Amino acid sequence: MPDSAQPPTVRSAARMTVRVRARRAAAPLAALGTAGAAWAVVAAVDPGAPSSPYPACPLPALTGWQCPGCGGLRAAHALAHGRLGEALASNALVVLAALVLGVALLWWLVREVRGRTGAVPVPAAPYRWALLGGMAAFTVLRNLPLPPPWA
C-alpha cells in the first residue's frame, strides 16, 4: 500500500489543521501587516513638520473648509506617540476610525483562524446612511467658528 493511501494519523491531521489555519490567516495578517507598516511610517515622519513629505490637503486652500480627513495624519502621528488629546484635537473622526479598523482587522483574523468563513456582515442601509450623516455633521461642526468643547 503506497504512503499516500494510508489513513491520516492524529499527528498528520493536526499538521493539516495548522496549515489550513495558517493559510486562512494569510490575508488578515497581510492586511494587519500593511496597516502596521503604514502606521509605522506615519509614526516616524511628523506630518506637521515644515519639511514633511506628505502633501497638503487642497480643500482648505481652495475653500477654507476642512474635510472629514483633514488632520488625519497629524492625529495618527499623535496616536502613535500616545498623545490622545492631541490626536482628538487634530481629527476625532480618524481616532474613532483607527479604533474601528483595528478591531475589525483583529475580528477578521480570529474569524478566519477559527474557520468561520462566508459572507462578512455588512451594516444595513440605515446604519450606512447614519454613518454618512455623522461624517457630514462632523464636517460642518468642525468648520464652525466655535472653540472645541475640551478647550
N, C-alpha and C. Protein backbone atom coordinates (compact mmCIF):
# COMPACT_ATOMS: atom_id res chain seq x y z
N MET A 1 0.85 -1.18 0.00
CA MET A 1 0.00 0.00 0.00
C MET A 1 0.90 1.24 0.00
N PRO A 2 0.71 2.16 -0.98
CA PRO A 2 1.56 3.35 -1.01
C PRO A 2 1.27 4.28 0.17
N ASP A 3 2.25 5.14 0.47
CA ASP A 3 2.12 6.05 1.61
C ASP A 3 0.92 6.98 1.48
N SER A 4 0.60 7.40 0.26
CA SER A 4 -0.49 8.35 0.09
C SER A 4 -1.85 7.72 0.37
N ALA A 5 -1.95 6.40 0.33
CA ALA A 5 -3.23 5.73 0.56
C ALA A 5 -3.46 5.41 2.02
N GLN A 6 -2.48 5.66 2.87
CA GLN A 6 -2.65 5.36 4.29
C GLN A 6 -3.60 6.38 4.93
N PRO A 7 -4.40 5.92 5.88
CA PRO A 7 -5.30 6.85 6.55
C PRO A 7 -4.49 7.88 7.36
N PRO A 8 -5.01 9.09 7.50
CA PRO A 8 -4.26 10.11 8.23
C PRO A 8 -4.17 9.76 9.71
N THR A 9 -3.04 10.03 10.28
CA THR A 9 -2.86 9.83 11.71
C THR A 9 -3.28 11.10 12.43
N VAL A 10 -3.32 11.03 13.74
CA VAL A 10 -3.68 12.20 14.53
C VAL A 10 -2.66 13.31 14.31
N ARG A 11 -1.39 12.94 14.25
CA ARG A 11 -0.33 13.93 14.07
C ARG A 11 -0.44 14.60 12.70
N SER A 12 -0.68 13.81 11.64
CA SER A 12 -0.78 14.41 10.31
C SER A 12 -2.05 15.25 10.19
N ALA A 13 -3.13 14.84 10.85
CA ALA A 13 -4.36 15.63 10.83
C ALA A 13 -4.14 16.96 11.55
N ALA A 14 -3.38 16.94 12.63
CA ALA A 14 -3.08 18.18 13.35
C ALA A 14 -2.23 19.10 12.49
N ARG A 15 -1.27 18.53 11.76
CA ARG A 15 -0.43 19.35 10.87
C ARG A 15 -1.27 19.97 9.75
N MET A 16 -2.22 19.18 9.22
CA MET A 16 -3.09 19.71 8.17
C MET A 16 -3.94 20.86 8.72
N THR A 17 -4.44 20.71 9.94
CA THR A 17 -5.25 21.75 10.56
C THR A 17 -4.44 23.03 10.73
N VAL A 18 -3.19 22.89 11.18
CA VAL A 18 -2.33 24.06 11.35
C VAL A 18 -2.08 24.73 10.01
N ARG A 19 -1.82 23.94 8.96
CA ARG A 19 -1.58 24.52 7.63
C ARG A 19 -2.82 25.23 7.10
N VAL A 20 -3.98 24.63 7.30
CA VAL A 20 -5.22 25.26 6.83
C VAL A 20 -5.46 26.57 7.57
N ARG A 21 -5.26 26.57 8.88
CA ARG A 21 -5.45 27.80 9.65
C ARG A 21 -4.45 28.87 9.26
N ALA A 22 -3.21 28.46 9.00
CA ALA A 22 -2.20 29.43 8.57
C ALA A 22 -2.57 30.02 7.22
N ARG A 23 -3.08 29.19 6.31
CA ARG A 23 -3.50 29.68 5.01
C ARG A 23 -4.67 30.65 5.14
N ARG A 24 -5.61 30.33 6.02
CA ARG A 24 -6.77 31.21 6.22
C ARG A 24 -6.34 32.55 6.83
N ALA A 25 -5.31 32.51 7.67
CA ALA A 25 -4.87 33.73 8.35
C ALA A 25 -4.00 34.60 7.47
N ALA A 26 -3.61 34.13 6.29
CA ALA A 26 -2.67 34.88 5.45
C ALA A 26 -3.21 36.25 5.05
N ALA A 27 -4.43 36.32 4.57
CA ALA A 27 -4.99 37.61 4.12
C ALA A 27 -5.17 38.59 5.27
N PRO A 28 -5.77 38.18 6.41
CA PRO A 28 -5.88 39.13 7.52
C PRO A 28 -4.52 39.56 8.05
N LEU A 29 -3.56 38.64 8.09
CA LEU A 29 -2.22 39.01 8.56
C LEU A 29 -1.55 39.97 7.59
N ALA A 30 -1.76 39.78 6.30
CA ALA A 30 -1.21 40.72 5.31
C ALA A 30 -1.83 42.10 5.49
N ALA A 31 -3.13 42.14 5.72
CA ALA A 31 -3.80 43.43 5.93
C ALA A 31 -3.30 44.10 7.22
N LEU A 32 -3.15 43.31 8.28
CA LEU A 32 -2.62 43.85 9.53
C LEU A 32 -1.19 44.34 9.35
N GLY A 33 -0.39 43.58 8.61
CA GLY A 33 0.99 43.99 8.35
C GLY A 33 1.07 45.27 7.55
N THR A 34 0.21 45.39 6.55
CA THR A 34 0.18 46.61 5.73
C THR A 34 -0.25 47.81 6.58
N ALA A 35 -1.29 47.63 7.38
CA ALA A 35 -1.74 48.71 8.25
C ALA A 35 -0.66 49.08 9.26
N GLY A 36 0.02 48.07 9.80
CA GLY A 36 1.10 48.33 10.75
C GLY A 36 2.27 49.06 10.11
N ALA A 37 2.61 48.70 8.88
CA ALA A 37 3.70 49.39 8.18
C ALA A 37 3.32 50.84 7.90
N ALA A 38 2.09 51.07 7.47
CA ALA A 38 1.64 52.44 7.22
C ALA A 38 1.65 53.25 8.52
N TRP A 39 1.22 52.62 9.60
CA TRP A 39 1.22 53.28 10.91
C TRP A 39 2.64 53.63 11.33
N ALA A 40 3.59 52.73 11.08
CA ALA A 40 4.99 52.98 11.43
C ALA A 40 5.56 54.15 10.64
N VAL A 41 5.21 54.24 9.37
CA VAL A 41 5.69 55.37 8.55
C VAL A 41 5.13 56.68 9.09
N VAL A 42 3.84 56.71 9.40
CA VAL A 42 3.23 57.93 9.93
C VAL A 42 3.83 58.26 11.29
N ALA A 43 4.15 57.25 12.09
CA ALA A 43 4.76 57.49 13.40
C ALA A 43 6.17 58.04 13.26
N ALA A 44 6.89 57.60 12.24
CA ALA A 44 8.29 58.01 12.07
C ALA A 44 8.42 59.40 11.47
N VAL A 45 7.50 59.79 10.61
CA VAL A 45 7.61 61.07 9.89
C VAL A 45 6.49 61.99 10.37
N ASP A 46 6.85 63.08 11.01
CA ASP A 46 5.87 64.03 11.55
C ASP A 46 5.20 64.80 10.42
N PRO A 47 3.88 64.63 10.23
CA PRO A 47 3.21 65.35 9.15
C PRO A 47 3.06 66.84 9.42
N GLY A 48 3.26 67.27 10.66
CA GLY A 48 3.14 68.68 10.98
C GLY A 48 4.45 69.45 10.82
N ALA A 49 5.54 68.74 10.54
CA ALA A 49 6.84 69.40 10.38
C ALA A 49 6.88 70.17 9.06
N PRO A 50 7.61 71.28 9.03
CA PRO A 50 7.70 72.05 7.78
C PRO A 50 8.31 71.25 6.63
N SER A 51 9.19 70.31 6.93
CA SER A 51 9.84 69.52 5.88
C SER A 51 9.10 68.21 5.61
N SER A 52 7.84 68.13 5.99
CA SER A 52 7.07 66.89 5.83
C SER A 52 6.91 66.53 4.36
N PRO A 53 7.09 65.24 4.03
CA PRO A 53 6.91 64.82 2.64
C PRO A 53 5.45 64.62 2.25
N TYR A 54 4.55 64.68 3.23
CA TYR A 54 3.14 64.46 2.94
C TYR A 54 2.55 65.68 2.23
N PRO A 55 1.71 65.47 1.22
CA PRO A 55 1.10 66.63 0.55
C PRO A 55 0.02 67.26 1.43
N ALA A 56 -0.19 68.53 1.24
CA ALA A 56 -1.24 69.24 1.98
C ALA A 56 -2.59 68.96 1.30
N CYS A 57 -3.64 68.97 2.10
CA CYS A 57 -4.99 68.77 1.56
C CYS A 57 -5.37 70.02 0.76
N PRO A 58 -5.82 69.85 -0.47
CA PRO A 58 -6.15 71.04 -1.28
C PRO A 58 -7.48 71.70 -0.90
N LEU A 59 -8.37 70.99 -0.22
CA LEU A 59 -9.69 71.55 0.07
C LEU A 59 -9.61 72.82 0.93
N PRO A 60 -8.84 72.85 2.03
CA PRO A 60 -8.77 74.10 2.80
C PRO A 60 -8.17 75.26 1.99
N ALA A 61 -7.22 74.96 1.13
CA ALA A 61 -6.61 76.02 0.32
C ALA A 61 -7.62 76.59 -0.68
N LEU A 62 -8.49 75.73 -1.20
CA LEU A 62 -9.46 76.17 -2.20
C LEU A 62 -10.73 76.78 -1.59
N THR A 63 -11.19 76.19 -0.48
CA THR A 63 -12.49 76.59 0.07
C THR A 63 -12.42 77.21 1.46
N GLY A 64 -11.34 76.96 2.18
CA GLY A 64 -11.26 77.40 3.56
C GLY A 64 -11.90 76.43 4.54
N TRP A 65 -12.50 75.37 4.03
CA TRP A 65 -13.14 74.35 4.87
C TRP A 65 -12.19 73.17 5.06
N GLN A 66 -12.31 72.53 6.21
CA GLN A 66 -11.58 71.29 6.46
C GLN A 66 -12.49 70.12 6.12
N CYS A 67 -11.97 69.17 5.36
CA CYS A 67 -12.75 67.98 5.02
C CYS A 67 -12.74 67.02 6.21
N PRO A 68 -13.51 65.93 6.17
CA PRO A 68 -13.51 64.99 7.30
C PRO A 68 -12.15 64.36 7.56
N GLY A 69 -11.27 64.33 6.55
CA GLY A 69 -9.97 63.71 6.72
C GLY A 69 -8.85 64.67 7.08
N CYS A 70 -9.11 65.97 7.00
CA CYS A 70 -8.06 66.95 7.31
C CYS A 70 -7.57 66.76 8.75
N GLY A 71 -6.28 66.72 8.90
CA GLY A 71 -5.69 66.49 10.22
C GLY A 71 -5.55 65.02 10.56
N GLY A 72 -5.92 64.15 9.64
CA GLY A 72 -5.87 62.71 9.91
C GLY A 72 -4.46 62.18 10.12
N LEU A 73 -3.51 62.65 9.32
CA LEU A 73 -2.13 62.20 9.50
C LEU A 73 -1.56 62.72 10.82
N ARG A 74 -1.88 63.96 11.16
CA ARG A 74 -1.42 64.50 12.45
C ARG A 74 -2.04 63.71 13.60
N ALA A 75 -3.31 63.34 13.46
CA ALA A 75 -3.98 62.55 14.50
C ALA A 75 -3.34 61.17 14.63
N ALA A 76 -3.06 60.53 13.50
CA ALA A 76 -2.42 59.21 13.54
C ALA A 76 -1.03 59.29 14.14
N HIS A 77 -0.29 60.34 13.79
CA HIS A 77 1.06 60.53 14.34
C HIS A 77 0.99 60.71 15.86
N ALA A 78 0.05 61.54 16.32
CA ALA A 78 -0.10 61.77 17.76
C ALA A 78 -0.53 60.48 18.46
N LEU A 79 -1.45 59.72 17.86
CA LEU A 79 -1.87 58.44 18.45
C LEU A 79 -0.70 57.47 18.57
N ALA A 80 0.12 57.42 17.52
CA ALA A 80 1.26 56.50 17.53
C ALA A 80 2.24 56.85 18.64
N HIS A 81 2.23 58.10 19.09
CA HIS A 81 3.13 58.52 20.16
C HIS A 81 2.40 58.65 21.50
N GLY A 82 1.16 58.16 21.55
CA GLY A 82 0.42 58.11 22.81
C GLY A 82 -0.17 59.44 23.26
N ARG A 83 -0.32 60.39 22.36
CA ARG A 83 -0.87 61.70 22.71
C ARG A 83 -2.33 61.76 22.26
N LEU A 84 -3.21 61.20 23.07
CA LEU A 84 -4.62 61.07 22.70
C LEU A 84 -5.30 62.43 22.56
N GLY A 85 -5.04 63.35 23.48
CA GLY A 85 -5.66 64.67 23.41
C GLY A 85 -5.30 65.41 22.14
N GLU A 86 -4.03 65.35 21.77
CA GLU A 86 -3.58 65.99 20.53
C GLU A 86 -4.22 65.32 19.31
N ALA A 87 -4.34 64.00 19.37
CA ALA A 87 -4.96 63.27 18.26
C ALA A 87 -6.42 63.66 18.11
N LEU A 88 -7.14 63.76 19.22
CA LEU A 88 -8.55 64.15 19.16
C LEU A 88 -8.70 65.58 18.66
N ALA A 89 -7.78 66.46 19.04
CA ALA A 89 -7.83 67.85 18.56
C ALA A 89 -7.55 67.93 17.07
N SER A 90 -6.68 67.05 16.56
CA SER A 90 -6.35 67.07 15.13
C SER A 90 -7.50 66.54 14.29
N ASN A 91 -8.05 65.39 14.69
CA ASN A 91 -9.18 64.82 13.95
C ASN A 91 -9.76 63.67 14.77
N ALA A 92 -10.86 63.95 15.46
CA ALA A 92 -11.50 62.94 16.30
C ALA A 92 -12.06 61.78 15.48
N LEU A 93 -12.49 62.07 14.27
CA LEU A 93 -13.06 61.02 13.41
C LEU A 93 -12.01 59.98 13.05
N VAL A 94 -10.79 60.41 12.81
CA VAL A 94 -9.71 59.47 12.48
C VAL A 94 -9.36 58.61 13.69
N VAL A 95 -9.41 59.18 14.88
CA VAL A 95 -9.15 58.39 16.09
C VAL A 95 -10.18 57.27 16.21
N LEU A 96 -11.45 57.61 16.00
CA LEU A 96 -12.51 56.61 16.05
C LEU A 96 -12.34 55.58 14.94
N ALA A 97 -12.02 56.05 13.74
CA ALA A 97 -11.85 55.14 12.60
C ALA A 97 -10.67 54.19 12.82
N ALA A 98 -9.59 54.66 13.42
CA ALA A 98 -8.43 53.80 13.69
C ALA A 98 -8.82 52.69 14.67
N LEU A 99 -9.60 53.05 15.67
CA LEU A 99 -10.06 52.04 16.63
C LEU A 99 -10.95 51.01 15.95
N VAL A 100 -11.90 51.47 15.17
CA VAL A 100 -12.82 50.56 14.47
C VAL A 100 -12.06 49.67 13.49
N LEU A 101 -11.13 50.25 12.74
CA LEU A 101 -10.35 49.47 11.78
C LEU A 101 -9.50 48.41 12.48
N GLY A 102 -8.85 48.79 13.58
CA GLY A 102 -8.05 47.82 14.32
C GLY A 102 -8.88 46.66 14.84
N VAL A 103 -10.03 46.96 15.41
CA VAL A 103 -10.92 45.91 15.93
C VAL A 103 -11.42 45.04 14.78
N ALA A 104 -11.78 45.66 13.65
CA ALA A 104 -12.29 44.89 12.50
C ALA A 104 -11.22 43.95 11.94
N LEU A 105 -9.98 44.41 11.86
CA LEU A 105 -8.92 43.55 11.34
C LEU A 105 -8.64 42.38 12.28
N LEU A 106 -8.63 42.65 13.58
CA LEU A 106 -8.43 41.56 14.54
C LEU A 106 -9.60 40.59 14.52
N TRP A 107 -10.83 41.12 14.40
CA TRP A 107 -12.01 40.26 14.32
C TRP A 107 -11.92 39.37 13.09
N TRP A 108 -11.49 39.91 11.96
CA TRP A 108 -11.34 39.15 10.72
C TRP A 108 -10.31 38.04 10.91
N LEU A 109 -9.19 38.35 11.54
CA LEU A 109 -8.15 37.35 11.77
C LEU A 109 -8.68 36.21 12.64
N VAL A 110 -9.32 36.53 13.74
CA VAL A 110 -9.85 35.49 14.64
C VAL A 110 -10.90 34.66 13.92
N ARG A 111 -11.75 35.31 13.16
CA ARG A 111 -12.81 34.61 12.42
C ARG A 111 -12.22 33.62 11.42
N GLU A 112 -11.20 34.04 10.69
CA GLU A 112 -10.58 33.16 9.70
C GLU A 112 -9.85 31.99 10.37
N VAL A 113 -9.13 32.26 11.44
CA VAL A 113 -8.38 31.18 12.11
C VAL A 113 -9.34 30.15 12.70
N ARG A 114 -10.48 30.60 13.18
CA ARG A 114 -11.47 29.66 13.74
C ARG A 114 -12.25 28.93 12.66
N GLY A 115 -12.06 29.31 11.40
CA GLY A 115 -12.72 28.61 10.31
C GLY A 115 -14.11 29.10 10.00
N ARG A 116 -14.45 30.27 10.46
CA ARG A 116 -15.78 30.82 10.19
C ARG A 116 -15.72 31.66 8.92
N THR A 117 -15.80 30.98 7.81
CA THR A 117 -15.74 31.69 6.53
C THR A 117 -17.15 32.04 6.09
N GLY A 118 -17.25 32.71 5.00
CA GLY A 118 -18.55 33.11 4.48
C GLY A 118 -18.64 34.61 4.39
N ALA A 119 -19.82 35.07 4.13
CA ALA A 119 -20.03 36.50 3.93
C ALA A 119 -19.76 37.27 5.22
N VAL A 120 -19.05 38.36 5.08
CA VAL A 120 -18.80 39.25 6.21
C VAL A 120 -20.03 40.12 6.38
N PRO A 121 -20.52 40.25 7.60
CA PRO A 121 -21.73 41.05 7.79
C PRO A 121 -21.49 42.51 7.41
N VAL A 122 -22.41 43.06 6.66
CA VAL A 122 -22.36 44.45 6.23
C VAL A 122 -23.49 45.19 6.94
N PRO A 123 -23.22 46.37 7.47
CA PRO A 123 -24.29 47.10 8.15
C PRO A 123 -25.47 47.38 7.21
N ALA A 124 -26.65 47.37 7.77
CA ALA A 124 -27.86 47.64 6.99
C ALA A 124 -27.85 49.08 6.49
N ALA A 125 -28.66 49.35 5.49
CA ALA A 125 -28.70 50.67 4.85
C ALA A 125 -28.92 51.82 5.84
N PRO A 126 -29.81 51.70 6.83
CA PRO A 126 -29.97 52.83 7.76
C PRO A 126 -28.68 53.18 8.51
N TYR A 127 -27.89 52.16 8.84
CA TYR A 127 -26.63 52.42 9.54
C TYR A 127 -25.62 53.09 8.61
N ARG A 128 -25.61 52.70 7.35
CA ARG A 128 -24.71 53.35 6.39
C ARG A 128 -25.10 54.80 6.19
N TRP A 129 -26.40 55.08 6.11
CA TRP A 129 -26.86 56.47 5.98
C TRP A 129 -26.51 57.26 7.24
N ALA A 130 -26.65 56.63 8.40
CA ALA A 130 -26.30 57.31 9.65
C ALA A 130 -24.80 57.63 9.68
N LEU A 131 -23.98 56.73 9.17
CA LEU A 131 -22.54 56.98 9.11
C LEU A 131 -22.23 58.18 8.21
N LEU A 132 -22.85 58.21 7.03
CA LEU A 132 -22.65 59.35 6.12
C LEU A 132 -23.16 60.65 6.74
N GLY A 133 -24.30 60.58 7.41
CA GLY A 133 -24.83 61.77 8.09
C GLY A 133 -23.92 62.23 9.21
N GLY A 134 -23.36 61.28 9.94
CA GLY A 134 -22.42 61.63 11.01
C GLY A 134 -21.16 62.29 10.47
N MET A 135 -20.67 61.78 9.34
CA MET A 135 -19.49 62.40 8.72
C MET A 135 -19.80 63.81 8.24
N ALA A 136 -20.99 64.00 7.66
CA ALA A 136 -21.38 65.34 7.21
C ALA A 136 -21.52 66.29 8.40
N ALA A 137 -22.13 65.81 9.48
CA ALA A 137 -22.28 66.64 10.68
C ALA A 137 -20.91 66.99 11.27
N PHE A 138 -20.01 66.01 11.29
CA PHE A 138 -18.64 66.25 11.78
C PHE A 138 -17.96 67.33 10.94
N THR A 139 -18.13 67.26 9.62
CA THR A 139 -17.52 68.24 8.73
C THR A 139 -18.06 69.64 9.01
N VAL A 140 -19.37 69.76 9.16
CA VAL A 140 -19.96 71.07 9.42
C VAL A 140 -19.53 71.59 10.78
N LEU A 141 -19.62 70.75 11.81
CA LEU A 141 -19.28 71.19 13.17
C LEU A 141 -17.83 71.60 13.31
N ARG A 142 -16.93 70.90 12.64
CA ARG A 142 -15.51 71.25 12.79
C ARG A 142 -15.16 72.52 12.05
N ASN A 143 -16.04 72.98 11.18
CA ASN A 143 -15.79 74.21 10.44
C ASN A 143 -16.54 75.42 11.00
N LEU A 144 -17.32 75.22 12.06
CA LEU A 144 -17.98 76.35 12.71
C LEU A 144 -16.95 77.12 13.54
N PRO A 145 -17.09 78.43 13.62
CA PRO A 145 -16.11 79.22 14.38
C PRO A 145 -16.37 79.15 15.89
N LEU A 146 -16.34 77.96 16.43
CA LEU A 146 -16.56 77.75 17.86
C LEU A 146 -15.32 77.11 18.46
N PRO A 147 -15.04 77.38 19.73
CA PRO A 147 -13.91 76.68 20.36
C PRO A 147 -14.28 75.22 20.57
N PRO A 148 -13.29 74.34 20.54
CA PRO A 148 -13.60 72.92 20.78
C PRO A 148 -14.16 72.73 22.19
N PRO A 149 -15.00 71.73 22.39
CA PRO A 149 -15.64 71.54 23.69
C PRO A 149 -14.65 71.26 24.82
N TRP A 150 -13.46 70.79 24.51
CA TRP A 150 -12.49 70.46 25.56
C TRP A 150 -11.60 71.66 25.90
N ALA A 151 -11.78 72.79 25.21
CA ALA A 151 -10.94 73.97 25.48
C ALA A 151 -11.45 74.75 26.67
